[in-house]
């Protein structure tokens, strides 16, 4: 990797890989520096930003930087990243860690659901979270959308029936 960087100092792949090796061996600040540099030299890619989001969120507990990384990754429209994961991770960051923004978690899932063709994972998660939060009508809506795409999913059907029963009892 070092040889490649010496020969091609603007190689996104080499800097990205260097960050991954540093991360693997516990040099998290080194990984951060490599991934930030990779992000700078390749402004259209988002893979290093996804890694930075995870690093900032789970290891550094720097939720503002994690938010920046995930939002920037989503803005870049990089087809090589798992956009479902990006929306899920940002929403989870808000819901479970960045408590000042907890109320934004479902909004992030809404955005992901609207922008992705394959949004079943986000629909399921939004339905579950809305149900947990007592937002029964919204939960039912997410479950209905999920079941429209996955009509044979029995657990989702049972959950929807349970939500509807709760709605009737209110």
Protein backbone atom coordinates (compact mmCIF):
# COMPACT_ATOMS: atom_id res chain seq x y z
CA UNK A 1 0.00 0.00 0.00
CA UNK A 2 2.80 2.40 0.91
CA UNK A 3 4.57 1.73 -2.38
CA UNK A 4 1.36 2.43 -4.30
CA UNK A 5 0.89 5.69 -2.37
CA UNK A 6 4.49 6.69 -3.10
CA UNK A 7 4.01 5.99 -6.81
CA UNK A 8 0.43 7.33 -7.01
CA UNK A 9 -0.17 9.77 -4.14
CA UNK A 10 -3.64 10.54 -5.47
CA UNK A 11 -4.82 6.91 -5.44
CA UNK A 12 -8.13 6.79 -3.61
CA UNK A 13 -7.95 3.00 -3.36
CA UNK A 14 -4.52 3.02 -1.75
CA UNK A 15 -5.49 5.62 0.86
CA UNK A 16 -8.78 3.85 1.52
CA UNK A 17 -6.95 0.54 1.99
CA UNK A 18 -4.35 2.17 4.24
CA UNK A 19 -7.18 3.43 6.44
CA UNK A 20 -8.66 -0.05 6.56
CA UNK A 21 -5.34 -1.62 7.60
CA UNK A 22 -4.79 1.03 10.26
CA UNK A 23 -8.32 0.46 11.55
CA UNK A 24 -7.79 -3.31 11.68
CA UNK A 25 -4.68 -2.87 13.81
CA UNK A 26 -6.35 -0.37 16.17
CA UNK A 27 -4.74 2.80 14.85
CA UNK A 28 -8.05 4.65 14.70
CA UNK A 29 -6.55 8.13 14.39
CA UNK A 30 -4.39 6.86 11.53
CA UNK A 31 -7.45 5.34 9.87
CA UNK A 32 -9.30 8.62 10.31
CA UNK A 33 -6.46 10.58 8.68
CA UNK A 34 -6.20 8.16 5.73
CA UNK A 35 -9.95 8.13 5.10
CA UNK A 36 -10.20 11.91 5.37
CA UNK A 37 -7.42 12.24 2.81
CA UNK A 38 -9.11 9.68 0.55
CA UNK A 39 -12.32 11.71 0.84
CA UNK A 40 -10.48 14.88 -0.15
CA UNK A 41 -8.73 13.42 -3.20
CA UNK A 42 -11.83 11.68 -4.53
CA UNK A 43 -14.78 14.00 -3.92
CA UNK A 44 -17.33 11.85 -5.76
CA UNK A 45 -16.87 8.67 -3.74
CA UNK A 46 -18.53 7.97 -0.40
CA UNK A 47 -17.00 4.72 0.89
CA UNK A 48 -14.44 6.45 3.08
CA UNK A 49 -17.22 8.64 4.47
CA UNK A 50 -19.23 5.58 5.47
CA UNK A 51 -16.19 4.24 7.31
CA UNK A 52 -15.64 7.61 8.96
CA UNK A 53 -19.28 7.70 10.04
CA UNK A 54 -18.88 4.37 11.76
CA UNK A 55 -15.57 5.41 13.32
CA UNK A 56 -16.90 8.71 14.64
CA UNK A 57 -20.13 7.15 15.91
CA UNK A 58 -18.99 3.91 17.50
CA UNK A 59 -15.41 4.56 18.56
CA UNK A 60 -14.91 8.31 18.99
CA UNK A 61 -18.49 9.02 20.13
CA UNK A 62 -18.35 12.20 18.05
CA UNK A 63 -21.94 12.24 16.88
CA UNK A 64 -21.74 15.56 15.02
CA UNK A 65 -18.84 14.27 12.90
CA UNK A 66 -20.66 10.96 12.36
CA UNK A 67 -23.71 12.87 11.16
CA UNK A 68 -21.52 14.94 8.81
CA UNK A 69 -19.96 11.78 7.37
CA UNK A 70 -23.28 10.01 6.73
CA UNK A 71 -24.99 13.10 5.30
CA UNK A 72 -22.04 13.84 3.03
CA UNK A 73 -21.94 10.21 1.87
CA UNK A 74 -25.63 10.39 0.94
CA UNK A 75 -25.16 13.70 -0.88
CA UNK A 76 -22.45 12.24 -3.10
CA UNK A 77 -24.78 9.83 -4.91
CA UNK A 78 -21.99 7.23 -5.05
CA UNK A 79 -23.43 4.03 -6.51
CA UNK A 80 -20.77 1.92 -4.82
CA UNK A 81 -22.16 2.43 -1.31
CA UNK A 82 -25.10 0.67 0.29
CA UNK A 83 -27.54 3.58 0.51
CA UNK A 84 -29.93 1.55 2.66
CA UNK A 85 -27.13 1.16 5.19
CA UNK A 86 -26.35 4.87 5.04
CA UNK A 87 -29.95 5.84 5.83
CA UNK A 88 -30.27 3.10 8.46
CA UNK A 89 -27.02 4.07 10.17
CA UNK A 90 -27.84 7.79 10.20
CA UNK A 91 -31.32 7.09 11.59
CA UNK A 92 -29.86 4.72 14.20
CA UNK A 93 -27.26 7.30 15.16
CA UNK A 94 -30.06 9.77 15.83
CA UNK A 95 -32.33 7.31 17.62
CA UNK A 96 -29.80 5.64 19.91
CA UNK A 97 -26.82 7.96 20.34
CA UNK A 98 -27.25 11.54 19.17
CA UNK A 99 -30.14 12.12 21.54
CA UNK A 100 -30.64 15.78 20.61
CA UNK A 101 -31.72 14.54 17.18
CA UNK A 102 -33.70 11.46 18.20
CA UNK A 103 -36.88 12.92 16.73
CA UNK A 104 -35.19 13.10 13.32
CA UNK A 105 -34.67 9.33 13.06
CA UNK A 106 -38.03 8.58 11.42
CA UNK A 107 -37.58 11.55 9.08
CA UNK A 108 -34.33 10.02 7.84
CA UNK A 109 -36.08 6.70 7.25
CA UNK A 110 -38.89 8.52 5.39
CA UNK A 111 -36.32 10.13 3.11
CA UNK A 112 -34.64 6.78 2.46
CA UNK A 113 -37.97 5.07 1.79
CA UNK A 114 -38.90 7.76 -0.73
CA UNK A 115 -35.54 7.79 -2.49
CA UNK A 116 -34.78 4.05 -2.77
CA UNK A 117 -36.45 1.46 -4.95
CA UNK A 118 -35.52 -1.36 -2.59
CA UNK A 119 -36.74 0.15 0.64
CA UNK A 120 -38.15 -2.88 2.46
CA UNK A 121 -35.54 -2.86 5.24
CA UNK A 122 -36.24 0.81 5.95
CA UNK A 123 -40.01 0.22 5.87
CA UNK A 124 -39.68 -2.58 8.41
CA UNK A 125 -37.46 -0.48 10.66
CA UNK A 126 -39.73 2.58 10.42
CA UNK A 127 -42.76 0.45 11.22
CA UNK A 128 -41.10 -1.08 14.25
CA UNK A 129 -39.86 2.27 15.59
CA UNK A 130 -43.21 4.00 15.02
CA UNK A 131 -44.93 1.14 16.85
CA UNK A 132 -42.44 1.34 19.74
CA UNK A 133 -43.11 5.08 19.95
CA UNK A 134 -46.88 4.58 20.08
CA UNK A 135 -47.44 6.09 16.63
CA UNK A 136 -49.88 3.36 15.66
CA UNK A 137 -51.39 4.86 12.49
CA UNK A 138 -47.94 5.60 11.09
CA UNK A 139 -46.69 2.15 12.09
CA UNK A 140 -49.65 0.53 10.34
CA UNK A 141 -48.87 2.54 7.20
CA UNK A 142 -45.26 1.36 7.15
CA UNK A 143 -46.30 -2.24 7.72
CA UNK A 144 -48.88 -2.02 4.94
CA UNK A 145 -46.23 -0.72 2.53
CA UNK A 146 -43.87 -3.47 3.64
CA UNK A 147 -46.51 -6.15 3.12
CA UNK A 148 -47.38 -4.78 -0.32
CA UNK A 149 -43.82 -5.70 -1.31
CA UNK A 150 -43.58 -8.86 0.84
CA UNK A 151 -47.10 -10.32 0.95
CA UNK A 152 -46.00 -13.68 2.35
CA UNK A 153 -44.15 -12.25 5.37
CA UNK A 154 -46.18 -13.77 8.21
CA UNK A 155 -44.54 -11.96 11.12
CA UNK A 156 -45.21 -8.59 9.52
CA UNK A 157 -48.85 -9.58 8.97
CA UNK A 158 -49.15 -10.63 12.64
CA UNK A 159 -47.55 -7.37 13.75
CA UNK A 160 -49.92 -5.34 11.57
CA UNK A 161 -52.93 -7.18 13.03
CA UNK A 162 -51.63 -6.47 16.53
CA UNK A 163 -51.18 -2.78 15.69
CA UNK A 164 -54.70 -2.58 14.27
CA UNK A 165 -56.08 -4.24 17.42
CA UNK A 166 -54.25 -1.67 19.55
CA UNK A 167 -55.71 1.11 17.41
CA UNK A 168 -59.24 -0.20 17.99
CA UNK A 169 -58.68 -0.35 21.74
CA UNK A 170 -57.57 3.26 21.99
